[in-house]
PDB file of N, CA and C in Angstrom:
ATOM      1  N   UNK A   1       8.277  -1.059 -38.249  1.00  0.00           N
ATOM      2  CA  UNK A   1       8.244  -2.407 -38.923  1.00  0.00           C
ATOM      3  C   UNK A   1       9.657  -3.020 -38.914  1.00  0.00           C
ATOM      4  N   UNK A   2      10.696  -2.092 -39.366  1.00  0.00           N
ATOM      5  CA  UNK A   2      12.059  -2.652 -39.436  1.00  0.00           C
ATOM      6  C   UNK A   2      12.532  -2.944 -38.066  1.00  0.00           C
ATOM      7  N   UNK A   3      12.174  -2.200 -36.997  1.00  0.00           N
ATOM      8  CA  UNK A   3      12.698  -2.533 -35.714  1.00  0.00           C
ATOM      9  C   UNK A   3      12.051  -3.880 -35.245  1.00  0.00           C
ATOM     10  N   UNK A   4      10.821  -4.146 -35.533  1.00  0.00           N
ATOM     11  CA  UNK A   4      10.215  -5.411 -35.117  1.00  0.00           C
ATOM     12  C   UNK A   4      11.000  -6.596 -35.904  1.00  0.00           C
ATOM     13  N   UNK A   5      11.244  -6.470 -37.239  1.00  0.00           N
ATOM     14  CA  UNK A   5      11.904  -7.462 -37.888  1.00  0.00           C
ATOM     15  C   UNK A   5      13.299  -7.709 -37.352  1.00  0.00           C
ATOM     16  N   UNK A   6      14.028  -6.617 -37.155  1.00  0.00           N
ATOM     17  CA  UNK A   6      15.354  -6.647 -36.561  1.00  0.00           C
ATOM     18  C   UNK A   6      15.334  -7.347 -35.161  1.00  0.00           C
ATOM     19  N   UNK A   7      14.392  -6.998 -34.352  1.00  0.00           N
ATOM     20  CA  UNK A   7      14.317  -7.596 -32.996  1.00  0.00           C
ATOM     21  C   UNK A   7      13.983  -9.037 -33.147  1.00  0.00           C
ATOM     22  N   UNK A   8      13.167  -9.462 -34.037  1.00  0.00           N
ATOM     23  CA  UNK A   8      12.852 -10.859 -34.192  1.00  0.00           C
ATOM     24  C   UNK A   8      14.020 -11.648 -34.765  1.00  0.00           C
ATOM     25  N   UNK A   9      14.850 -11.050 -35.693  1.00  0.00           N
ATOM     26  CA  UNK A   9      15.982 -11.818 -36.077  1.00  0.00           C
ATOM     27  C   UNK A   9      16.957 -11.884 -34.984  1.00  0.00           C
ATOM     28  N   UNK A  10      17.146 -10.901 -34.244  1.00  0.00           N
ATOM     29  CA  UNK A  10      18.158 -10.851 -33.095  1.00  0.00           C
ATOM     30  C   UNK A  10      17.805 -11.950 -32.026  1.00  0.00           C
ATOM     31  N   UNK A  11      16.494 -11.949 -31.694  1.00  0.00           N
ATOM     32  CA  UNK A  11      16.067 -12.885 -30.686  1.00  0.00           C
ATOM     33  C   UNK A  11      16.060 -14.367 -31.213  1.00  0.00           C
ATOM     34  N   UNK A  12      15.802 -14.534 -32.447  1.00  0.00           N
ATOM     35  CA  UNK A  12      15.782 -15.911 -32.997  1.00  0.00           C
ATOM     36  C   UNK A  12      17.151 -16.433 -33.214  1.00  0.00           C
ATOM     37  N   UNK A  13      18.165 -15.550 -33.313  1.00  0.00           N
ATOM     38  CA  UNK A  13      19.599 -16.087 -33.427  1.00  0.00           C
ATOM     39  C   UNK A  13      20.209 -16.351 -32.048  1.00  0.00           C
ATOM     40  N   UNK A  14      19.831 -15.630 -31.111  1.00  0.00           N
ATOM     41  CA  UNK A  14      20.433 -15.704 -29.706  1.00  0.00           C
ATOM     42  C   UNK A  14      19.677 -16.468 -28.703  1.00  0.00           C
ATOM     43  N   UNK A  15      18.463 -16.840 -28.942  1.00  0.00           N
ATOM     44  CA  UNK A  15      17.669 -17.489 -27.942  1.00  0.00           C
ATOM     45  C   UNK A  15      17.399 -18.943 -28.493  1.00  0.00           C
ATOM     46  N   UNK A  16      18.014 -19.910 -27.841  1.00  0.00           N
ATOM     47  CA  UNK A  16      17.698 -21.324 -28.309  1.00  0.00           C
ATOM     48  C   UNK A  16      16.238 -21.642 -28.036  1.00  0.00           C
ATOM     49  N   UNK A  17      15.665 -22.676 -28.672  1.00  0.00           N
ATOM     50  CA  UNK A  17      14.287 -22.985 -28.357  1.00  0.00           C
ATOM     51  C   UNK A  17      14.209 -23.784 -27.024  1.00  0.00           C
ATOM     52  N   UNK A  18      13.058 -23.758 -26.390  1.00  0.00           N
ATOM     53  CA  UNK A  18      12.790 -24.376 -25.143  1.00  0.00           C
ATOM     54  C   UNK A  18      12.738 -25.832 -25.440  1.00  0.00           C
ATOM     55  N   UNK A  19      13.497 -26.642 -24.688  1.00  0.00           N
ATOM     56  CA  UNK A  19      13.642 -28.074 -24.839  1.00  0.00           C
ATOM     57  C   UNK A  19      12.675 -28.775 -23.960  1.00  0.00           C
ATOM     58  N   UNK A  20      12.540 -30.026 -24.190  1.00  0.00           N
ATOM     59  CA  UNK A  20      11.720 -30.925 -23.459  1.00  0.00           C
ATOM     60  C   UNK A  20      12.153 -30.991 -21.969  1.00  0.00           C
ATOM     61  N   UNK A  21      13.457 -31.034 -21.869  1.00  0.00           N
ATOM     62  CA  UNK A  21      13.963 -31.173 -20.481  1.00  0.00           C
ATOM     63  C   UNK A  21      13.722 -29.948 -19.624  1.00  0.00           C
ATOM     64  N   UNK A  22      13.660 -28.726 -20.184  1.00  0.00           N
ATOM     65  CA  UNK A  22      13.344 -27.480 -19.548  1.00  0.00           C
ATOM     66  C   UNK A  22      11.908 -27.527 -19.074  1.00  0.00           C
ATOM     67  N   UNK A  23      10.963 -28.078 -19.821  1.00  0.00           N
ATOM     68  CA  UNK A  23       9.626 -28.094 -19.430  1.00  0.00           C
ATOM     69  C   UNK A  23       9.457 -29.099 -18.337  1.00  0.00           C
ATOM     70  N   UNK A  24      10.087 -30.178 -18.378  1.00  0.00           N
ATOM     71  CA  UNK A  24      10.003 -31.110 -17.296  1.00  0.00           C
ATOM     72  C   UNK A  24      10.634 -30.582 -15.933  1.00  0.00           C
ATOM     73  N   UNK A  25      11.739 -29.827 -16.095  1.00  0.00           N
ATOM     74  CA  UNK A  25      12.368 -29.304 -14.980  1.00  0.00           C
ATOM     75  C   UNK A  25      11.475 -28.171 -14.311  1.00  0.00           C
ATOM     76  N   UNK A  26      10.788 -27.353 -15.208  1.00  0.00           N
ATOM     77  CA  UNK A  26       9.880 -26.400 -14.682  1.00  0.00           C
ATOM     78  C   UNK A  26       8.670 -27.097 -13.878  1.00  0.00           C
ATOM     79  N   UNK A  27       8.188 -28.163 -14.410  1.00  0.00           N
ATOM     80  CA  UNK A  27       7.108 -28.943 -13.745  1.00  0.00           C
ATOM     81  C   UNK A  27       7.561 -29.389 -12.323  1.00  0.00           C
ATOM     82  N   UNK A  28       8.739 -30.022 -12.375  1.00  0.00           N
ATOM     83  CA  UNK A  28       9.329 -30.430 -11.100  1.00  0.00           C
ATOM     84  C   UNK A  28       9.498 -29.265 -10.137  1.00  0.00           C
ATOM     85  N   UNK A  29      10.034 -28.201 -10.550  1.00  0.00           N
ATOM     86  CA  UNK A  29      10.164 -27.045  -9.677  1.00  0.00           C
ATOM     87  C   UNK A  29       8.818 -26.492  -9.115  1.00  0.00           C
ATOM     88  N   UNK A  30       7.864 -26.525  -9.972  1.00  0.00           N
ATOM     89  CA  UNK A  30       6.483 -26.191  -9.610  1.00  0.00           C
ATOM     90  C   UNK A  30       5.956 -27.097  -8.509  1.00  0.00           C
ATOM     91  N   UNK A  31       6.090 -28.343  -8.667  1.00  0.00           N
ATOM     92  CA  UNK A  31       5.683 -29.370  -7.725  1.00  0.00           C
ATOM     93  C   UNK A  31       6.362 -29.192  -6.341  1.00  0.00           C
ATOM     94  N   UNK A  32       7.732 -28.971  -6.356  1.00  0.00           N
ATOM     95  CA  UNK A  32       8.533 -28.748  -5.195  1.00  0.00           C
ATOM     96  C   UNK A  32       7.990 -27.526  -4.367  1.00  0.00           C
ATOM     97  N   UNK A  33       7.799 -26.461  -5.217  1.00  0.00           N
ATOM     98  CA  UNK A  33       7.326 -25.216  -4.552  1.00  0.00           C
ATOM     99  C   UNK A  33       5.864 -25.354  -3.992  1.00  0.00           C
ATOM    100  N   UNK A  34       5.035 -26.012  -4.765  1.00  0.00           N
ATOM    101  CA  UNK A  34       3.628 -26.256  -4.274  1.00  0.00           C
ATOM    102  C   UNK A  34       3.604 -27.191  -3.107  1.00  0.00           C
ATOM    103  N   UNK A  35       4.398 -28.167  -3.086  1.00  0.00           N
ATOM    104  CA  UNK A  35       4.409 -29.093  -1.898  1.00  0.00           C
ATOM    105  C   UNK A  35       4.895 -28.347  -0.653  1.00  0.00           C
ATOM    106  N   UNK A  36       5.928 -27.586  -0.709  1.00  0.00           N
ATOM    107  CA  UNK A  36       6.508 -26.885   0.467  1.00  0.00           C
ATOM    108  C   UNK A  36       5.496 -25.843   0.916  1.00  0.00           C
ATOM    109  N   UNK A  37       4.843 -25.163   0.030  1.00  0.00           N
ATOM    110  CA  UNK A  37       3.802 -24.174   0.386  1.00  0.00           C
ATOM    111  C   UNK A  37       2.604 -24.901   1.061  1.00  0.00           C
ATOM    112  N   UNK A  38       2.174 -25.957   0.541  1.00  0.00           N
ATOM    113  CA  UNK A  38       1.114 -26.733   1.123  1.00  0.00           C
ATOM    114  C   UNK A  38       1.486 -27.133   2.493  1.00  0.00           C
ATOM    115  N   UNK A  39       2.630 -27.622   2.697  1.00  0.00           N
ATOM    116  CA  UNK A  39       3.105 -28.048   3.991  1.00  0.00           C
ATOM    117  C   UNK A  39       3.199 -26.900   5.032  1.00  0.00           C
ATOM    118  N   UNK A  40       3.630 -25.675   4.608  1.00  0.00           N
ATOM    119  CA  UNK A  40       3.676 -24.565   5.399  1.00  0.00           C
ATOM    120  C   UNK A  40       2.308 -24.015   5.727  1.00  0.00           C
ATOM    121  N   UNK A  41       1.331 -24.056   4.808  1.00  0.00           N
ATOM    122  CA  UNK A  41      -0.015 -23.529   5.124  1.00  0.00           C
ATOM    123  C   UNK A  41      -0.646 -24.600   6.116  1.00  0.00           C
ATOM    124  N   UNK A  42      -0.462 -25.885   5.942  1.00  0.00           N
ATOM    125  CA  UNK A  42      -1.062 -26.874   6.742  1.00  0.00           C
ATOM    126  C   UNK A  42      -0.548 -26.668   8.244  1.00  0.00           C
ATOM    127  N   UNK A  43       0.819 -26.448   8.360  1.00  0.00           N
ATOM    128  CA  UNK A  43       1.356 -26.322   9.736  1.00  0.00           C
ATOM    129  C   UNK A  43       0.771 -25.072  10.340  1.00  0.00           C
ATOM    130  N   UNK A  44       0.652 -23.967   9.577  1.00  0.00           N
ATOM    131  CA  UNK A  44       0.047 -22.830  10.061  1.00  0.00           C
ATOM    132  C   UNK A  44      -1.434 -22.951  10.413  1.00  0.00           C
ATOM    133  N   UNK A  45      -2.182 -23.777   9.601  1.00  0.00           N
ATOM    134  CA  UNK A  45      -3.466 -23.937   9.878  1.00  0.00           C
ATOM    135  C   UNK A  45      -3.719 -24.757  11.134  1.00  0.00           C
ATOM    136  N   UNK A  46      -2.836 -25.739  11.536  1.00  0.00           N
ATOM    137  CA  UNK A  46      -3.060 -26.571  12.755  1.00  0.00           C
ATOM    138  C   UNK A  46      -2.237 -26.048  13.896  1.00  0.00           C
ATOM    139  N   UNK A  47      -1.522 -24.931  13.802  1.00  0.00           N
ATOM    140  CA  UNK A  47      -0.613 -24.625  14.906  1.00  0.00           C
ATOM    141  C   UNK A  47      -1.292 -24.459  16.245  1.00  0.00           C
ATOM    142  N   UNK A  48      -2.594 -24.171  16.261  1.00  0.00           N
ATOM    143  CA  UNK A  48      -3.266 -24.153  17.552  1.00  0.00           C
ATOM    144  C   UNK A  48      -3.373 -25.503  18.235  1.00  0.00           C
ATOM    145  N   UNK A  49      -3.182 -26.502  17.433  1.00  0.00           N
ATOM    146  CA  UNK A  49      -3.261 -27.865  18.012  1.00  0.00           C
ATOM    147  C   UNK A  49      -1.981 -28.215  18.784  1.00  0.00           C
ATOM    148  N   UNK A  50      -0.932 -27.458  18.634  1.00  0.00           N
ATOM    149  CA  UNK A  50       0.259 -27.727  19.328  1.00  0.00           C
ATOM    150  C   UNK A  50       0.271 -27.284  20.869  1.00  0.00           C
ATOM    151  N   UNK A  51      -0.755 -26.603  21.208  1.00  0.00           N
ATOM    152  CA  UNK A  51      -0.811 -26.129  22.649  1.00  0.00           C
ATOM    153  C   UNK A  51      -1.298 -27.287  23.485  1.00  0.00           C
ATOM    154  N   UNK A  52      -1.037 -27.233  24.748  1.00  0.00           N
ATOM    155  CA  UNK A  52      -1.334 -28.359  25.685  1.00  0.00           C
ATOM    156  C   UNK A  52      -2.821 -28.581  25.708  1.00  0.00           C
ATOM    157  N   UNK A  53      -3.281 -29.833  25.760  1.00  0.00           N
ATOM    158  CA  UNK A  53      -4.603 -30.183  25.801  1.00  0.00           C
ATOM    159  C   UNK A  53      -5.257 -30.478  24.476  1.00  0.00           C
ATOM    160  N   UNK A  54      -4.476 -30.288  23.418  1.00  0.00           N
ATOM    161  CA  UNK A  54      -5.015 -30.537  22.049  1.00  0.00           C
ATOM    162  C   UNK A  54      -4.242 -31.682  21.430  1.00  0.00           C
ATOM    163  N   UNK A  55      -4.845 -32.298  20.430  1.00  0.00           N
ATOM    164  CA  UNK A  55      -4.172 -33.325  19.806  1.00  0.00           C
ATOM    165  C   UNK A  55      -3.657 -32.818  18.411  1.00  0.00           C
ATOM    166  N   UNK A  56      -2.462 -33.382  17.957  1.00  0.00           N
ATOM    167  CA  UNK A  56      -1.891 -32.887  16.750  1.00  0.00           C
ATOM    168  C   UNK A  56      -2.382 -33.765  15.559  1.00  0.00           C
ATOM    169  N   UNK A  57      -2.404 -34.970  15.709  1.00  0.00           N
ATOM    170  CA  UNK A  57      -2.949 -35.889  14.671  1.00  0.00           C
ATOM    171  C   UNK A  57      -4.058 -36.807  15.270  1.00  0.00           C
ATOM    172  N   UNK A  58      -5.221 -36.681  14.880  1.00  0.00           N
ATOM    173  CA  UNK A  58      -5.821 -35.621  13.941  1.00  0.00           C
ATOM    174  C   UNK A  58      -5.838 -34.276  14.647  1.00  0.00           C
ATOM    175  N   UNK A  59      -5.547 -33.156  13.974  1.00  0.00           N
ATOM    176  CA  UNK A  59      -5.650 -31.827  14.590  1.00  0.00           C
ATOM    177  C   UNK A  59      -7.119 -31.528  14.915  1.00  0.00           C
ATOM    178  N   UNK A  60      -7.283 -30.994  16.145  1.00  0.00           N
ATOM    179  CA  UNK A  60      -8.598 -30.672  16.548  1.00  0.00           C
ATOM    180  C   UNK A  60      -8.941 -29.139  16.375  1.00  0.00           C
ATOM    181  N   UNK A  61      -8.016 -28.339  16.050  1.00  0.00           N
ATOM    182  CA  UNK A  61      -8.383 -26.969  15.884  1.00  0.00           C
ATOM    183  C   UNK A  61      -7.742 -26.553  14.499  1.00  0.00           C
ATOM    184  N   UNK A  62      -8.483 -25.851  13.722  1.00  0.00           N
ATOM    185  CA  UNK A  62      -7.992 -25.270  12.384  1.00  0.00           C
ATOM    186  C   UNK A  62      -8.280 -23.832  12.406  1.00  0.00           C
ATOM    187  N   UNK A  63      -7.460 -23.113  11.742  1.00  0.00           N
ATOM    188  CA  UNK A  63      -7.715 -21.643  11.506  1.00  0.00           C
ATOM    189  C   UNK A  63      -8.598 -21.448  10.254  1.00  0.00           C
ATOM    190  N   UNK A  64      -8.221 -22.134   9.195  1.00  0.00           N
ATOM    191  CA  UNK A  64      -9.061 -21.965   7.908  1.00  0.00           C
ATOM    192  C   UNK A  64     -10.237 -22.960   7.936  1.00  0.00           C
ATOM    193  N   UNK A  65     -11.412 -22.377   7.600  1.00  0.00           N
ATOM    194  CA  UNK A  65     -12.585 -23.155   7.569  1.00  0.00           C
ATOM    195  C   UNK A  65     -12.899 -23.690   6.132  1.00  0.00           C
ATOM    196  N   UNK A  66     -12.187 -23.208   5.135  1.00  0.00           N
ATOM    197  CA  UNK A  66     -12.398 -23.664   3.761  1.00  0.00           C
ATOM    198  C   UNK A  66     -11.071 -23.967   3.162  1.00  0.00           C
ATOM    199  N   UNK A  67     -11.045 -24.723   2.075  1.00  0.00           N
ATOM    200  CA  UNK A  67      -9.762 -25.078   1.407  1.00  0.00           C
ATOM    201  C   UNK A  67      -9.122 -24.062   0.472  1.00  0.00           C
ATOM    202  N   UNK A  68      -9.779 -22.834   0.329  1.00  0.00           N
ATOM    203  CA  UNK A  68      -9.213 -21.821  -0.604  1.00  0.00           C
ATOM    204  C   UNK A  68      -7.826 -21.370  -0.221  1.00  0.00           C
ATOM    205  N   UNK A  69      -7.454 -21.223   1.050  1.00  0.00           N
ATOM    206  CA  UNK A  69      -6.041 -20.828   1.270  1.00  0.00           C
ATOM    207  C   UNK A  69      -5.038 -21.878   0.791  1.00  0.00           C
ATOM    208  N   UNK A  70      -5.405 -23.132   0.823  1.00  0.00           N
ATOM    209  CA  UNK A  70      -4.608 -24.238   0.324  1.00  0.00           C
ATOM    210  C   UNK A  70      -4.443 -24.106  -1.237  1.00  0.00           C
ATOM    211  N   UNK A  71      -5.564 -23.873  -1.915  1.00  0.00           N
ATOM    212  CA  UNK A  71      -5.557 -23.773  -3.315  1.00  0.00           C
ATOM    213  C   UNK A  71      -4.630 -22.545  -3.758  1.00  0.00           C
ATOM    214  N   UNK A  72      -4.894 -21.467  -3.163  1.00  0.00           N
ATOM    215  CA  UNK A  72      -4.181 -20.221  -3.432  1.00  0.00           C
ATOM    216  C   UNK A  72      -2.686 -20.433  -3.122  1.00  0.00           C
ATOM    217  N   UNK A  73      -2.395 -21.002  -2.011  1.00  0.00           N
ATOM    218  CA  UNK A  73      -1.039 -21.273  -1.651  1.00  0.00           C
ATOM    219  C   UNK A  73      -0.226 -22.215  -2.561  1.00  0.00           C
ATOM    220  N   UNK A  74      -0.929 -23.214  -3.156  1.00  0.00           N
ATOM    221  CA  UNK A  74      -0.346 -24.114  -4.021  1.00  0.00           C
ATOM    222  C   UNK A  74      -0.037 -23.432  -5.328  1.00  0.00           C
ATOM    223  N   UNK A  75      -0.898 -22.486  -5.859  1.00  0.00           N
ATOM    224  CA  UNK A  75      -0.590 -21.738  -7.066  1.00  0.00           C
ATOM    225  C   UNK A  75       0.530 -20.724  -6.843  1.00  0.00           C
ATOM    226  N   UNK A  76       0.399 -19.967  -5.804  1.00  0.00           N
ATOM    227  CA  UNK A  76       1.426 -18.995  -5.481  1.00  0.00           C
ATOM    228  C   UNK A  76       2.784 -19.612  -5.181  1.00  0.00           C
ATOM    229  N   UNK A  77       2.737 -20.639  -4.381  1.00  0.00           N
ATOM    230  CA  UNK A  77       4.063 -21.350  -4.011  1.00  0.00           C
ATOM    231  C   UNK A  77       4.720 -22.014  -5.159  1.00  0.00           C
ATOM    232  N   UNK A  78       3.859 -22.618  -6.050  1.00  0.00           N
ATOM    233  CA  UNK A  78       4.384 -23.249  -7.256  1.00  0.00           C
ATOM    234  C   UNK A  78       5.144 -22.256  -8.222  1.00  0.00           C
ATOM    235  N   UNK A  79       4.443 -21.178  -8.487  1.00  0.00           N
ATOM    236  CA  UNK A  79       5.098 -20.182  -9.363  1.00  0.00           C
ATOM    237  C   UNK A  79       6.307 -19.576  -8.665  1.00  0.00           C
ATOM    238  N   UNK A  80       6.193 -19.233  -7.460  1.00  0.00           N
ATOM    239  CA  UNK A  80       7.449 -18.696  -6.742  1.00  0.00           C
ATOM    240  C   UNK A  80       8.495 -19.740  -6.711  1.00  0.00           C
ATOM    241  N   UNK A  81       8.171 -20.984  -6.512  1.00  0.00           N
ATOM    242  CA  UNK A  81       9.167 -22.069  -6.476  1.00  0.00           C
ATOM    243  C   UNK A  81       9.974 -22.130  -7.800  1.00  0.00           C
ATOM    244  N   UNK A  82       9.170 -22.051  -8.901  1.00  0.00           N
ATOM    245  CA  UNK A  82       9.938 -22.034 -10.162  1.00  0.00           C
ATOM    246  C   UNK A  82      11.010 -20.910 -10.208  1.00  0.00           C
ATOM    247  N   UNK A  83      10.575 -19.670  -9.870  1.00  0.00           N
ATOM    248  CA  UNK A  83      11.618 -18.503  -9.943  1.00  0.00           C
ATOM    249  C   UNK A  83      12.697 -18.701  -8.953  1.00  0.00           C
ATOM    250  N   UNK A  84      12.396 -19.141  -7.793  1.00  0.00           N
ATOM    251  CA  UNK A  84      13.469 -19.184  -6.733  1.00  0.00           C
ATOM    252  C   UNK A  84      14.405 -20.237  -7.020  1.00  0.00           C
ATOM    253  N   UNK A  85      13.886 -21.429  -7.411  1.00  0.00           N
ATOM    254  CA  UNK A  85      14.855 -22.544  -7.762  1.00  0.00           C
ATOM    255  C   UNK A  85      15.704 -22.219  -9.031  1.00  0.00           C
ATOM    256  N   UNK A  86      15.074 -21.641 -10.016  1.00  0.00           N
ATOM    257  CA  UNK A  86      15.845 -21.319 -11.233  1.00  0.00           C
ATOM    258  C   UNK A  86      16.939 -20.187 -10.960  1.00  0.00           C
ATOM    259  N   UNK A  87      16.518 -19.263 -10.027  1.00  0.00           N
ATOM    260  CA  UNK A  87      17.442 -18.274  -9.655  1.00  0.00           C
ATOM    261  C   UNK A  87      18.721 -18.843  -8.807  1.00  0.00           C
ATOM    262  N   UNK A  88      18.383 -19.796  -7.962  1.00  0.00           N
ATOM    263  CA  UNK A  88      19.455 -20.544  -7.232  1.00  0.00           C
ATOM    264  C   UNK A  88      20.313 -21.273  -8.196  1.00  0.00           C
ATOM    265  N   UNK A  89      19.716 -22.015  -9.106  1.00  0.00           N
ATOM    266  CA  UNK A  89      20.498 -22.763 -10.038  1.00  0.00           C
ATOM    267  C   UNK A  89      21.366 -21.916 -10.993  1.00  0.00           C
ATOM    268  N   UNK A  90      20.835 -20.768 -11.347  1.00  0.00           N
ATOM    269  CA  UNK A  90      21.585 -19.780 -12.172  1.00  0.00           C
ATOM    270  C   UNK A  90      22.756 -19.316 -11.402  1.00  0.00           C
ATOM    271  N   UNK A  91      22.576 -19.021 -10.142  1.00  0.00           N
ATOM    272  CA  UNK A  91      23.720 -18.515  -9.239  1.00  0.00           C
ATOM    273  C   UNK A  91      24.751 -19.589  -9.088  1.00  0.00           C
ATOM    274  N   UNK A  92      24.315 -20.880  -8.959  1.00  0.00           N
ATOM    275  CA  UNK A  92      25.244 -21.895  -8.699  1.00  0.00           C
ATOM    276  C   UNK A  92      26.047 -22.170 -10.062  1.00  0.00           C
ATOM    277  N   UNK A  93      25.411 -22.050 -11.184  1.00  0.00           N
ATOM    278  CA  UNK A  93      26.022 -22.328 -12.481  1.00  0.00           C
ATOM    279  C   UNK A  93      27.050 -21.120 -12.708  1.00  0.00           C
ATOM    280  N   UNK A  94      26.700 -19.878 -12.391  1.00  0.00           N
ATOM    281  CA  UNK A  94      27.557 -18.743 -12.551  1.00  0.00           C
ATOM    282  C   UNK A  94      28.839 -18.858 -11.648  1.00  0.00           C
ATOM    283  N   UNK A  95      28.618 -19.333 -10.457  1.00  0.00           N
ATOM    284  CA  UNK A  95      29.678 -19.519  -9.460  1.00  0.00           C
ATOM    285  C   UNK A  95      30.586 -20.615  -9.922  1.00  0.00           C
ATOM    286  N   UNK A  96      30.031 -21.712 -10.469  1.00  0.00           N
ATOM    287  CA  UNK A  96      30.883 -22.808 -10.985  1.00  0.00           C
ATOM    288  C   UNK A  96      31.760 -22.290 -12.136  1.00  0.00           C
ATOM    289  N   UNK A  97      31.203 -21.521 -13.013  1.00  0.00           N
ATOM    290  CA  UNK A  97      31.876 -20.961 -14.159  1.00  0.00           C
ATOM    291  C   UNK A  97      32.984 -20.050 -13.686  1.00  0.00           C
ATOM    292  N   UNK A  98      32.800 -19.317 -12.672  1.00  0.00           N
ATOM    293  CA  UNK A  98      33.706 -18.301 -12.084  1.00  0.00           C
ATOM    294  C   UNK A  98      34.940 -19.121 -11.449  1.00  0.00           C
ATOM    295  N   UNK A  99      34.644 -20.167 -10.718  1.00  0.00           N
ATOM    296  CA  UNK A  99      35.606 -20.889 -10.033  1.00  0.00           C
ATOM    297  C   UNK A  99      36.413 -21.774 -10.960  1.00  0.00           C
ATOM    298  N   UNK A 100      35.723 -22.536 -11.862  1.00  0.00           N
ATOM    299  CA  UNK A 100      36.512 -23.453 -12.788  1.00  0.00           C
ATOM    300  C   UNK A 100      37.130 -22.595 -13.924  1.00  0.00           C
ATOM    301  N   UNK A 101      36.550 -21.521 -14.256  1.00  0.00           N
ATOM    302  CA  UNK A 101      37.129 -20.680 -15.299  1.00  0.00           C
ATOM    303  C   UNK A 101      38.566 -20.162 -14.864  1.00  0.00           C
ATOM    304  N   UNK A 102      38.631 -19.740 -13.652  1.00  0.00           N
ATOM    305  CA  UNK A 102      39.928 -19.281 -13.026  1.00  0.00           C
ATOM    306  C   UNK A 102      40.960 -20.425 -12.954  1.00  0.00           C
ATOM    307  N   UNK A 103      40.543 -21.652 -12.625  1.00  0.00           N
ATOM    308  CA  UNK A 103      41.437 -22.659 -12.605  1.00  0.00           C
ATOM    309  C   UNK A 103      41.996 -23.101 -13.892  1.00  0.00           C
ATOM    310  N   UNK A 104      41.228 -23.064 -14.965  1.00  0.00           N
ATOM    311  CA  UNK A 104      41.723 -23.375 -16.311  1.00  0.00           C
ATOM    312  C   UNK A 104      42.696 -22.310 -16.769  1.00  0.00           C
ATOM    313  N   UNK A 105      42.345 -21.133 -16.591  1.00  0.00           N
ATOM    314  CA  UNK A 105      43.243 -20.010 -17.108  1.00  0.00           C
ATOM    315  C   UNK A 105      44.486 -19.820 -16.250  1.00  0.00           C
ATOM    316  N   UNK A 106      44.547 -20.352 -14.990  1.00  0.00           N
ATOM    317  CA  UNK A 106      45.765 -20.155 -14.260  1.00  0.00           C
ATOM    318  C   UNK A 106      46.761 -21.173 -14.572  1.00  0.00           C
TER     319      UNK A 106
END
């Protein structure tokens, strides 16, 4: 019980609450990942239409006969998009701190 109380006090002191802007950013990151995944699944779905004798728009050959791969791709791509974009932004932030921190101390 003491460990749980200590852990709760430690986390409540060091972890700021989630802001409104973070929630909006996560939604935008999800939408970006979902859109890119949908585009990739669509291109894979119609890639047979790129061969000679077929039309691209409207595509006349599809690999998927149902929309389930699109639904699954949107969910997986959206969640992965959140993690990948946040990881990239964290790396950029750390790199900026490293570069500008050295300039200030020099």
